[in-house]
Amino acid sequence: MHFLCVGEYATARAASAAGTIMTLSSWATSSIEEIVSTGPGIRFLQLYLLKDRNMVTQLVRRAEKAGFKAILLTADSPVIGRREADIKNRLTIIAKFHLN
């Protein structure tokens, strides 16, 4: 297990224990299937509008198959902002993701 996934797994378990919703980002380090494997829970998928419509369709279908209850569409990010902390920490975005 990659160390970045630990937080998402813990969040999924904690939301389940509290009886509340866990929202998984479409840019999460854990897959939809990995989050479902943590146990029961109410889950939503936060989804960006991507240029690759096939990728969007696949994410929605996987979320539906995994029992996610809603899609939260983020439509206010046509471009990624210049974030000083991200620059300082040398954050890079995976090339396959393109916001539209």
PDB file of N, CA and C in Angstrom:
ATOM      1  N   MET A   1       0.842  -1.179   0.000  1.00  0.00           N
ATOM      2  CA  MET A   1       0.000   0.000   0.000  1.00  0.00           C
ATOM      3  C   MET A   1       0.886   1.240   0.000  1.00  0.00           C
ATOM      4  N   HIS A   2       0.605   2.149  -0.899  1.00  0.00           N
ATOM      5  CA  HIS A   2       1.336   3.405  -0.964  1.00  0.00           C
ATOM      6  C   HIS A   2       0.966   4.261   0.239  1.00  0.00           C
ATOM      7  N   PHE A   3       1.927   4.962   0.828  1.00  0.00           N
ATOM      8  CA  PHE A   3       1.668   5.708   2.059  1.00  0.00           C
ATOM      9  C   PHE A   3       0.622   6.800   1.885  1.00  0.00           C
ATOM     10  N   LEU A   4       0.447   7.350   0.673  1.00  0.00           N
ATOM     11  CA  LEU A   4      -0.561   8.388   0.469  1.00  0.00           C
ATOM     12  C   LEU A   4      -1.979   7.843   0.575  1.00  0.00           C
ATOM     13  N   CYS A   5      -2.160   6.564   0.315  1.00  0.00           N
ATOM     14  CA  CYS A   5      -3.482   5.950   0.367  1.00  0.00           C
ATOM     15  C   CYS A   5      -3.994   5.792   1.789  1.00  0.00           C
ATOM     16  N   VAL A   6      -3.112   5.745   2.751  1.00  0.00           N
ATOM     17  CA  VAL A   6      -3.494   5.489   4.142  1.00  0.00           C
ATOM     18  C   VAL A   6      -4.539   6.490   4.617  1.00  0.00           C
ATOM     19  N   GLY A   7      -4.368   7.762   4.299  1.00  0.00           N
ATOM     20  CA  GLY A   7      -5.312   8.790   4.722  1.00  0.00           C
ATOM     21  C   GLY A   7      -6.689   8.590   4.117  1.00  0.00           C
ATOM     22  N   GLU A   8      -6.742   8.219   2.850  1.00  0.00           N
ATOM     23  CA  GLU A   8      -8.035   7.979   2.202  1.00  0.00           C
ATOM     24  C   GLU A   8      -8.726   6.750   2.780  1.00  0.00           C
ATOM     25  N   TYR A   9      -7.962   5.713   3.067  1.00  0.00           N
ATOM     26  CA  TYR A   9      -8.548   4.525   3.691  1.00  0.00           C
ATOM     27  C   TYR A   9      -9.095   4.876   5.072  1.00  0.00           C
ATOM     28  N   ALA A  10      -8.309   5.615   5.845  1.00  0.00           N
ATOM     29  CA  ALA A  10      -8.736   6.009   7.194  1.00  0.00           C
ATOM     30  C   ALA A  10      -9.977   6.894   7.136  1.00  0.00           C
ATOM     31  N   THR A  11     -10.021   7.787   6.165  1.00  0.00           N
ATOM     32  CA  THR A  11     -11.189   8.660   6.010  1.00  0.00           C
ATOM     33  C   THR A  11     -12.429   7.828   5.687  1.00  0.00           C
ATOM     34  N   ALA A  12     -12.286   6.857   4.803  1.00  0.00           N
ATOM     35  CA  ALA A  12     -13.422   5.993   4.453  1.00  0.00           C
ATOM     36  C   ALA A  12     -13.920   5.221   5.675  1.00  0.00           C
ATOM     37  N   ARG A  13     -12.996   4.677   6.451  1.00  0.00           N
ATOM     38  CA  ARG A  13     -13.391   3.924   7.667  1.00  0.00           C
ATOM     39  C   ARG A  13     -14.039   4.835   8.704  1.00  0.00           C
ATOM     40  N   ALA A  14     -13.463   6.025   8.905  1.00  0.00           N
ATOM     41  CA  ALA A  14     -13.998   6.964   9.893  1.00  0.00           C
ATOM     42  C   ALA A  14     -15.387   7.454   9.493  1.00  0.00           C
ATOM     43  N   ALA A  15     -15.585   7.754   8.214  1.00  0.00           N
ATOM     44  CA  ALA A  15     -16.907   8.192   7.750  1.00  0.00           C
ATOM     45  C   ALA A  15     -17.936   7.097   7.959  1.00  0.00           C
ATOM     46  N   SER A  16     -17.554   5.870   7.685  1.00  0.00           N
ATOM     47  CA  SER A  16     -18.449   4.738   7.907  1.00  0.00           C
ATOM     48  C   SER A  16     -18.799   4.606   9.386  1.00  0.00           C
ATOM     49  N   ALA A  17     -17.808   4.683  10.247  1.00  0.00           N
ATOM     50  CA  ALA A  17     -18.042   4.554  11.696  1.00  0.00           C
ATOM     51  C   ALA A  17     -18.931   5.676  12.221  1.00  0.00           C
ATOM     52  N   ALA A  18     -18.810   6.866  11.625  1.00  0.00           N
ATOM     53  CA  ALA A  18     -19.612   8.013  12.066  1.00  0.00           C
ATOM     54  C   ALA A  18     -20.982   8.057  11.391  1.00  0.00           C
ATOM     55  N   GLY A  19     -21.192   7.162  10.432  1.00  0.00           N
ATOM     56  CA  GLY A  19     -22.467   7.139   9.722  1.00  0.00           C
ATOM     57  C   GLY A  19     -22.654   8.336   8.801  1.00  0.00           C
ATOM     58  N   THR A  20     -21.553   8.856   8.288  1.00  0.00           N
ATOM     59  CA  THR A  20     -21.627  10.025   7.406  1.00  0.00           C
ATOM     60  C   THR A  20     -21.072   9.685   6.033  1.00  0.00           C
ATOM     61  N   ILE A  21     -21.089  10.636   5.152  1.00  0.00           N
ATOM     62  CA  ILE A  21     -20.688  10.446   3.757  1.00  0.00           C
ATOM     63  C   ILE A  21     -19.186  10.638   3.587  1.00  0.00           C
ATOM     64  N   MET A  22     -18.590   9.803   2.762  1.00  0.00           N
ATOM     65  CA  MET A  22     -17.192   9.981   2.364  1.00  0.00           C
ATOM     66  C   MET A  22     -17.202  10.345   0.888  1.00  0.00           C
ATOM     67  N   THR A  23     -16.565  11.450   0.534  1.00  0.00           N
ATOM     68  CA  THR A  23     -16.469  11.872  -0.862  1.00  0.00           C
ATOM     69  C   THR A  23     -15.055  11.603  -1.351  1.00  0.00           C
ATOM     70  N   LEU A  24     -14.957  10.831  -2.419  1.00  0.00           N
ATOM     71  CA  LEU A  24     -13.665  10.488  -3.009  1.00  0.00           C
ATOM     72  C   LEU A  24     -13.410  11.382  -4.208  1.00  0.00           C
ATOM     73  N   SER A  25     -12.270  12.036  -4.234  1.00  0.00           N
ATOM     74  CA  SER A  25     -11.900  12.875  -5.362  1.00  0.00           C
ATOM     75  C   SER A  25     -11.558  12.032  -6.579  1.00  0.00           C
ATOM     76  N   SER A  26     -11.881  12.560  -7.751  1.00  0.00           N
ATOM     77  CA  SER A  26     -11.491  11.867  -8.981  1.00  0.00           C
ATOM     78  C   SER A  26      -9.973  11.892  -9.157  1.00  0.00           C
ATOM     79  N   TRP A  27      -9.270  12.704  -8.369  1.00  0.00           N
ATOM     80  CA  TRP A  27      -7.816  12.745  -8.383  1.00  0.00           C
ATOM     81  C   TRP A  27      -7.219  12.062  -7.159  1.00  0.00           C
ATOM     82  N   ALA A  28      -7.984  11.229  -6.502  1.00  0.00           N
ATOM     83  CA  ALA A  28      -7.508  10.535  -5.301  1.00  0.00           C
ATOM     84  C   ALA A  28      -6.356   9.599  -5.637  1.00  0.00           C
ATOM     85  N   THR A  29      -5.552   9.299  -4.631  1.00  0.00           N
ATOM     86  CA  THR A  29      -4.466   8.346  -4.829  1.00  0.00           C
ATOM     87  C   THR A  29      -4.950   6.909  -4.689  1.00  0.00           C
ATOM     88  N   SER A  30      -6.128   6.726  -4.115  1.00  0.00           N
ATOM     89  CA  SER A  30      -6.747   5.400  -3.993  1.00  0.00           C
ATOM     90  C   SER A  30      -7.813   5.258  -5.065  1.00  0.00           C
ATOM     91  N   SER A  31      -7.964   4.053  -5.565  1.00  0.00           N
ATOM     92  CA  SER A  31      -8.999   3.820  -6.573  1.00  0.00           C
ATOM     93  C   SER A  31     -10.363   3.676  -5.899  1.00  0.00           C
ATOM     94  N   ILE A  32     -11.393   3.785  -6.698  1.00  0.00           N
ATOM     95  CA  ILE A  32     -12.758   3.566  -6.224  1.00  0.00           C
ATOM     96  C   ILE A  32     -12.851   2.193  -5.569  1.00  0.00           C
ATOM     97  N   GLU A  33     -12.300   1.200  -6.233  1.00  0.00           N
ATOM     98  CA  GLU A  33     -12.379  -0.176  -5.738  1.00  0.00           C
ATOM     99  C   GLU A  33     -11.616  -0.356  -4.426  1.00  0.00           C
ATOM    100  N   GLU A  34     -10.486   0.326  -4.289  1.00  0.00           N
ATOM    101  CA  GLU A  34      -9.720   0.239  -3.042  1.00  0.00           C
ATOM    102  C   GLU A  34     -10.502   0.835  -1.876  1.00  0.00           C
ATOM    103  N   ILE A  35     -11.182   1.944  -2.116  1.00  0.00           N
ATOM    104  CA  ILE A  35     -11.967   2.569  -1.051  1.00  0.00           C
ATOM    105  C   ILE A  35     -13.131   1.669  -0.648  1.00  0.00           C
ATOM    106  N   VAL A  36     -13.789   1.065  -1.621  1.00  0.00           N
ATOM    107  CA  VAL A  36     -14.902   0.150  -1.317  1.00  0.00           C
ATOM    108  C   VAL A  36     -14.410  -1.038  -0.496  1.00  0.00           C
ATOM    109  N   SER A  37     -13.174  -1.470  -0.732  1.00  0.00           N
ATOM    110  CA  SER A  37     -12.639  -2.620   0.000  1.00  0.00           C
ATOM    111  C   SER A  37     -12.416  -2.336   1.481  1.00  0.00           C
ATOM    112  N   THR A  38     -12.498  -1.068   1.906  1.00  0.00           N
ATOM    113  CA  THR A  38     -12.302  -0.739   3.325  1.00  0.00           C
ATOM    114  C   THR A  38     -13.517  -1.090   4.174  1.00  0.00           C
ATOM    115  N   GLY A  39     -14.641  -1.403   3.530  1.00  0.00           N
ATOM    116  CA  GLY A  39     -15.847  -1.763   4.269  1.00  0.00           C
ATOM    117  C   GLY A  39     -17.044  -0.960   3.799  1.00  0.00           C
ATOM    118  N   PRO A  40     -18.166  -1.121   4.503  1.00  0.00           N
ATOM    119  CA  PRO A  40     -19.396  -0.445   4.082  1.00  0.00           C
ATOM    120  C   PRO A  40     -19.321   1.058   4.304  1.00  0.00           C
ATOM    121  N   GLY A  41     -20.190   1.763   3.613  1.00  0.00           N
ATOM    122  CA  GLY A  41     -20.253   3.207   3.807  1.00  0.00           C
ATOM    123  C   GLY A  41     -21.036   3.889   2.706  1.00  0.00           C
ATOM    124  N   ILE A  42     -21.423   5.126   2.974  1.00  0.00           N
ATOM    125  CA  ILE A  42     -22.101   5.954   1.987  1.00  0.00           C
ATOM    126  C   ILE A  42     -21.011   6.767   1.297  1.00  0.00           C
ATOM    127  N   ARG A  43     -20.919   6.621  -0.022  1.00  0.00           N
ATOM    128  CA  ARG A  43     -19.815   7.258  -0.732  1.00  0.00           C
ATOM    129  C   ARG A  43     -20.300   8.037  -1.942  1.00  0.00           C
ATOM    130  N   PHE A  44     -19.678   9.189  -2.142  1.00  0.00           N
ATOM    131  CA  PHE A  44     -19.910  10.035  -3.312  1.00  0.00           C
ATOM    132  C   PHE A  44     -18.595  10.141  -4.076  1.00  0.00           C
ATOM    133  N   LEU A  45     -18.681  10.392  -5.380  1.00  0.00           N
ATOM    134  CA  LEU A  45     -17.493  10.630  -6.188  1.00  0.00           C
ATOM    135  C   LEU A  45     -17.499  12.080  -6.640  1.00  0.00           C
ATOM    136  N   GLN A  46     -16.454  12.811  -6.311  1.00  0.00           N
ATOM    137  CA  GLN A  46     -16.269  14.183  -6.781  1.00  0.00           C
ATOM    138  C   GLN A  46     -15.566  14.086  -8.122  1.00  0.00           C
ATOM    139  N   LEU A  47     -16.152  14.696  -9.129  1.00  0.00           N
ATOM    140  CA  LEU A  47     -15.679  14.510 -10.493  1.00  0.00           C
ATOM    141  C   LEU A  47     -15.418  15.847 -11.176  1.00  0.00           C
ATOM    142  N   TYR A  48     -14.243  15.988 -11.775  1.00  0.00           N
ATOM    143  CA  TYR A  48     -13.916  17.159 -12.582  1.00  0.00           C
ATOM    144  C   TYR A  48     -14.368  16.927 -14.018  1.00  0.00           C
ATOM    145  N   LEU A  49     -14.681  18.003 -14.724  1.00  0.00           N
ATOM    146  CA  LEU A  49     -14.929  17.907 -16.157  1.00  0.00           C
ATOM    147  C   LEU A  49     -13.573  17.742 -16.831  1.00  0.00           C
ATOM    148  N   LEU A  50     -13.358  16.612 -17.455  1.00  0.00           N
ATOM    149  CA  LEU A  50     -12.091  16.320 -18.119  1.00  0.00           C
ATOM    150  C   LEU A  50     -12.289  16.319 -19.625  1.00  0.00           C
ATOM    151  N   LYS A  51     -11.240  16.649 -20.362  1.00  0.00           N
ATOM    152  CA  LYS A  51     -11.313  16.594 -21.815  1.00  0.00           C
ATOM    153  C   LYS A  51     -11.589  15.178 -22.298  1.00  0.00           C
ATOM    154  N   ASP A  52     -11.024  14.220 -21.600  1.00  0.00           N
ATOM    155  CA  ASP A  52     -11.179  12.815 -21.980  1.00  0.00           C
ATOM    156  C   ASP A  52     -12.526  12.297 -21.472  1.00  0.00           C
ATOM    157  N   ARG A  53     -13.548  12.420 -22.318  1.00  0.00           N
ATOM    158  CA  ARG A  53     -14.908  12.022 -21.921  1.00  0.00           C
ATOM    159  C   ARG A  53     -14.998  10.516 -21.637  1.00  0.00           C
ATOM    160  N   ASN A  54     -14.160   9.731 -22.305  1.00  0.00           N
ATOM    161  CA  ASN A  54     -14.153   8.298 -22.054  1.00  0.00           C
ATOM    162  C   ASN A  54     -13.701   8.010 -20.621  1.00  0.00           C
ATOM    163  N   MET A  55     -12.703   8.765 -20.147  1.00  0.00           N
ATOM    164  CA  MET A  55     -12.235   8.588 -18.774  1.00  0.00           C
ATOM    165  C   MET A  55     -13.343   8.945 -17.780  1.00  0.00           C
ATOM    166  N   VAL A  56     -14.069  10.018 -18.063  1.00  0.00           N
ATOM    167  CA  VAL A  56     -15.177  10.433 -17.201  1.00  0.00           C
ATOM    168  C   VAL A  56     -16.239   9.333 -17.152  1.00  0.00           C
ATOM    169  N   THR A  57     -16.593   8.822 -18.320  1.00  0.00           N
ATOM    170  CA  THR A  57     -17.596   7.756 -18.397  1.00  0.00           C
ATOM    171  C   THR A  57     -17.155   6.528 -17.612  1.00  0.00           C
ATOM    172  N   GLN A  58     -15.888   6.156 -17.759  1.00  0.00           N
ATOM    173  CA  GLN A  58     -15.370   4.998 -17.024  1.00  0.00           C
ATOM    174  C   GLN A  58     -15.419   5.221 -15.516  1.00  0.00           C
ATOM    175  N   LEU A  59     -15.035   6.409 -15.052  1.00  0.00           N
ATOM    176  CA  LEU A  59     -15.075   6.710 -13.615  1.00  0.00           C
ATOM    177  C   LEU A  59     -16.506   6.625 -13.081  1.00  0.00           C
ATOM    178  N   VAL A  60     -17.459   7.197 -13.816  1.00  0.00           N
ATOM    179  CA  VAL A  60     -18.854   7.180 -13.385  1.00  0.00           C
ATOM    180  C   VAL A  60     -19.372   5.739 -13.334  1.00  0.00           C
ATOM    181  N   ARG A  61     -19.069   4.958 -14.330  1.00  0.00           N
ATOM    182  CA  ARG A  61     -19.521   3.554 -14.351  1.00  0.00           C
ATOM    183  C   ARG A  61     -18.906   2.745 -13.209  1.00  0.00           C
ATOM    184  N   ARG A  62     -17.616   2.985 -12.944  1.00  0.00           N
ATOM    185  CA  ARG A  62     -16.969   2.269 -11.833  1.00  0.00           C
ATOM    186  C   ARG A  62     -17.584   2.670 -10.503  1.00  0.00           C
ATOM    187  N   ALA A  63     -17.867   3.956 -10.338  1.00  0.00           N
ATOM    188  CA  ALA A  63     -18.494   4.427  -9.093  1.00  0.00           C
ATOM    189  C   ALA A  63     -19.885   3.815  -8.934  1.00  0.00           C
ATOM    190  N   GLU A  64     -20.644   3.795 -10.002  1.00  0.00           N
ATOM    191  CA  GLU A  64     -21.986   3.206  -9.959  1.00  0.00           C
ATOM    192  C   GLU A  64     -21.913   1.720  -9.600  1.00  0.00           C
ATOM    193  N   LYS A  65     -21.022   0.999 -10.255  1.00  0.00           N
ATOM    194  CA  LYS A  65     -20.849  -0.432  -9.985  1.00  0.00           C
ATOM    195  C   LYS A  65     -20.430  -0.679  -8.539  1.00  0.00           C
ATOM    196  N   ALA A  66     -19.637   0.243  -7.977  1.00  0.00           N
ATOM    197  CA  ALA A  66     -19.137   0.104  -6.602  1.00  0.00           C
ATOM    198  C   ALA A  66     -20.159   0.555  -5.557  1.00  0.00           C
ATOM    199  N   GLY A  67     -21.311   1.057  -6.002  1.00  0.00           N
ATOM    200  CA  GLY A  67     -22.355   1.439  -5.058  1.00  0.00           C
ATOM    201  C   GLY A  67     -22.297   2.881  -4.573  1.00  0.00           C
ATOM    202  N   PHE A  68     -21.504   3.723  -5.241  1.00  0.00           N
ATOM    203  CA  PHE A  68     -21.481   5.137  -4.865  1.00  0.00           C
ATOM    204  C   PHE A  68     -22.873   5.720  -5.099  1.00  0.00           C
ATOM    205  N   LYS A  69     -23.300   6.620  -4.230  1.00  0.00           N
ATOM    206  CA  LYS A  69     -24.666   7.128  -4.255  1.00  0.00           C
ATOM    207  C   LYS A  69     -24.858   8.410  -5.042  1.00  0.00           C
ATOM    208  N   ALA A  70     -23.782   9.152  -5.306  1.00  0.00           N
ATOM    209  CA  ALA A  70     -23.922  10.428  -6.019  1.00  0.00           C
ATOM    210  C   ALA A  70     -22.617  10.803  -6.704  1.00  0.00           C
ATOM    211  N   ILE A  71     -22.755  11.661  -7.691  1.00  0.00           N
ATOM    212  CA  ILE A  71     -21.614  12.274  -8.367  1.00  0.00           C
ATOM    213  C   ILE A  71     -21.667  13.766  -8.041  1.00  0.00           C
ATOM    214  N   LEU A  72     -20.576  14.301  -7.530  1.00  0.00           N
ATOM    215  CA  LEU A  72     -20.475  15.733  -7.237  1.00  0.00           C
ATOM    216  C   LEU A  72     -19.613  16.330  -8.340  1.00  0.00           C
ATOM    217  N   LEU A  73     -20.216  17.087  -9.223  1.00  0.00           N
ATOM    218  CA  LEU A  73     -19.522  17.614 -10.387  1.00  0.00           C
ATOM    219  C   LEU A  73     -18.861  18.950 -10.064  1.00  0.00           C
ATOM    220  N   THR A  74     -17.557  19.018 -10.286  1.00  0.00           N
ATOM    221  CA  THR A  74     -16.809  20.256 -10.109  1.00  0.00           C
ATOM    222  C   THR A  74     -16.610  20.859 -11.490  1.00  0.00           C
ATOM    223  N   ALA A  75     -17.263  21.980 -11.714  1.00  0.00           N
ATOM    224  CA  ALA A  75     -17.229  22.598 -13.035  1.00  0.00           C
ATOM    225  C   ALA A  75     -16.570  23.973 -13.026  1.00  0.00           C
ATOM    226  N   ASP A  76     -15.932  24.343 -11.922  1.00  0.00           N
ATOM    227  CA  ASP A  76     -15.371  25.682 -11.809  1.00  0.00           C
ATOM    228  C   ASP A  76     -13.855  25.710 -11.934  1.00  0.00           C
ATOM    229  N   SER A  77     -13.275  24.681 -12.502  1.00  0.00           N
ATOM    230  CA  SER A  77     -11.817  24.614 -12.619  1.00  0.00           C
ATOM    231  C   SER A  77     -11.385  24.431 -14.070  1.00  0.00           C
ATOM    232  N   PRO A  78     -11.608  25.451 -14.926  1.00  0.00           N
ATOM    233  CA  PRO A  78     -11.213  25.278 -16.321  1.00  0.00           C
ATOM    234  C   PRO A  78      -9.703  25.201 -16.514  1.00  0.00           C
ATOM    235  N   VAL A  79      -8.956  25.776 -15.588  1.00  0.00           N
ATOM    236  CA  VAL A  79      -7.496  25.684 -15.607  1.00  0.00           C
ATOM    237  C   VAL A  79      -7.015  25.502 -14.179  1.00  0.00           C
ATOM    238  N   ILE A  80      -5.887  24.877 -14.049  1.00  0.00           N
ATOM    239  CA  ILE A  80      -5.310  24.695 -12.719  1.00  0.00           C
ATOM    240  C   ILE A  80      -4.612  25.988 -12.327  1.00  0.00           C
ATOM    241  N   GLY A  81      -4.902  26.463 -11.135  1.00  0.00           N
ATOM    242  CA  GLY A  81      -4.328  27.721 -10.667  1.00  0.00           C
ATOM    243  C   GLY A  81      -2.843  27.606 -10.335  1.00  0.00           C
ATOM    244  N   ARG A  82      -2.203  28.751 -10.230  1.00  0.00           N
ATOM    245  CA  ARG A  82      -0.796  28.812  -9.834  1.00  0.00           C
ATOM    246  C   ARG A  82      -0.769  28.846  -8.316  1.00  0.00           C
ATOM    247  N   ARG A  83      -0.460  27.739  -7.715  1.00  0.00           N
ATOM    248  CA  ARG A  83      -0.461  27.622  -6.261  1.00  0.00           C
ATOM    249  C   ARG A  83       0.978  27.616  -5.765  1.00  0.00           C
ATOM    250  N   GLU A  84       1.322  28.651  -5.025  1.00  0.00           N
ATOM    251  CA  GLU A  84       2.703  28.824  -4.572  1.00  0.00           C
ATOM    252  C   GLU A  84       3.200  27.623  -3.763  1.00  0.00           C
ATOM    253  N   ALA A  85       2.356  27.075  -2.886  1.00  0.00           N
ATOM    254  CA  ALA A  85       2.774  25.920  -2.082  1.00  0.00           C
ATOM    255  C   ALA A  85       3.065  24.717  -2.973  1.00  0.00           C
ATOM    256  N   ASP A  86       2.257  24.530  -4.020  1.00  0.00           N
ATOM    257  CA  ASP A  86       2.484  23.417  -4.942  1.00  0.00           C
ATOM    258  C   ASP A  86       3.798  23.584  -5.696  1.00  0.00           C
ATOM    259  N   ILE A  87       4.090  24.820  -6.093  1.00  0.00           N
ATOM    260  CA  ILE A  87       5.352  25.099  -6.788  1.00  0.00           C
ATOM    261  C   ILE A  87       6.525  24.839  -5.848  1.00  0.00           C
ATOM    262  N   LYS A  88       6.433  25.353  -4.633  1.00  0.00           N
ATOM    263  CA  LYS A  88       7.497  25.174  -3.639  1.00  0.00           C
ATOM    264  C   LYS A  88       7.756  23.696  -3.355  1.00  0.00           C
ATOM    265  N   ASN A  89       6.677  22.915  -3.294  1.00  0.00           N
ATOM    266  CA  ASN A  89       6.801  21.490  -2.981  1.00  0.00           C
ATOM    267  C   ASN A  89       6.976  20.610  -4.216  1.00  0.00           C
ATOM    268  N   ARG A  90       7.103  21.254  -5.380  1.00  0.00           N
ATOM    269  CA  ARG A  90       7.331  20.576  -6.656  1.00  0.00           C
ATOM    270  C   ARG A  90       6.239  19.573  -7.012  1.00  0.00           C
ATOM    271  N   LEU A  91       4.996  19.955  -6.713  1.00  0.00           N
ATOM    272  CA  LEU A  91       3.856  19.106  -7.055  1.00  0.00           C
ATOM    273  C   LEU A  91       3.699  19.045  -8.563  1.00  0.00           C
ATOM    274  N   THR A  92       3.474  17.856  -9.087  1.00  0.00           N
ATOM    275  CA  THR A  92       3.196  17.701 -10.512  1.00  0.00           C
ATOM    276  C   THR A  92       1.877  16.954 -10.670  1.00  0.00           C
ATOM    277  N   ILE A  93       1.165  17.268 -11.726  1.00  0.00           N
ATOM    278  CA  ILE A  93      -0.099  16.621 -12.035  1.00  0.00           C
ATOM    279  C   ILE A  93       0.160  15.566 -13.087  1.00  0.00           C
ATOM    280  N   ILE A  94      -0.454  14.404 -12.913  1.00  0.00           N
ATOM    281  CA  ILE A  94      -0.292  13.314 -13.875  1.00  0.00           C
ATOM    282  C   ILE A  94      -0.745  13.803 -15.242  1.00  0.00           C
ATOM    283  N   ALA A  95       0.069  13.601 -16.234  1.00  0.00           N
ATOM    284  CA  ALA A  95      -0.179  14.132 -17.583  1.00  0.00           C
ATOM    285  C   ALA A  95      -1.482  13.647 -18.199  1.00  0.00           C
ATOM    286  N   LYS A  96      -1.983  12.497 -17.804  1.00  0.00           N
ATOM    287  CA  LYS A  96      -3.195  11.970 -18.450  1.00  0.00           C
ATOM    288  C   LYS A  96      -4.446  12.745 -18.067  1.00  0.00           C
ATOM    289  N   PHE A  97      -4.386  13.588 -17.035  1.00  0.00           N
ATOM    290  CA  PHE A  97      -5.536  14.375 -16.639  1.00  0.00           C
ATOM    291  C   PHE A  97      -5.505  15.737 -17.307  1.00  0.00           C
ATOM    292  N   HIS A  98      -6.596  16.077 -17.966  1.00  0.00           N
ATOM    293  CA  HIS A  98      -6.705  17.377 -18.614  1.00  0.00           C
ATOM    294  C   HIS A  98      -8.039  17.977 -18.220  1.00  0.00           C
ATOM    295  N   LEU A  99      -8.034  19.096 -17.560  1.00  0.00           N
ATOM    296  CA  LEU A  99      -9.270  19.766 -17.208  1.00  0.00           C
ATOM    297  C   LEU A  99      -9.814  20.479 -18.429  1.00  0.00           C
ATOM    298  N   ASN A 100     -11.131  20.487 -18.543  1.00  0.00           N
ATOM    299  CA  ASN A 100     -11.755  21.182 -19.661  1.00  0.00           C
ATOM    300  C   ASN A 100     -12.861  22.056 -19.144  1.00  0.00           C
TER     301      ASN A 100
END
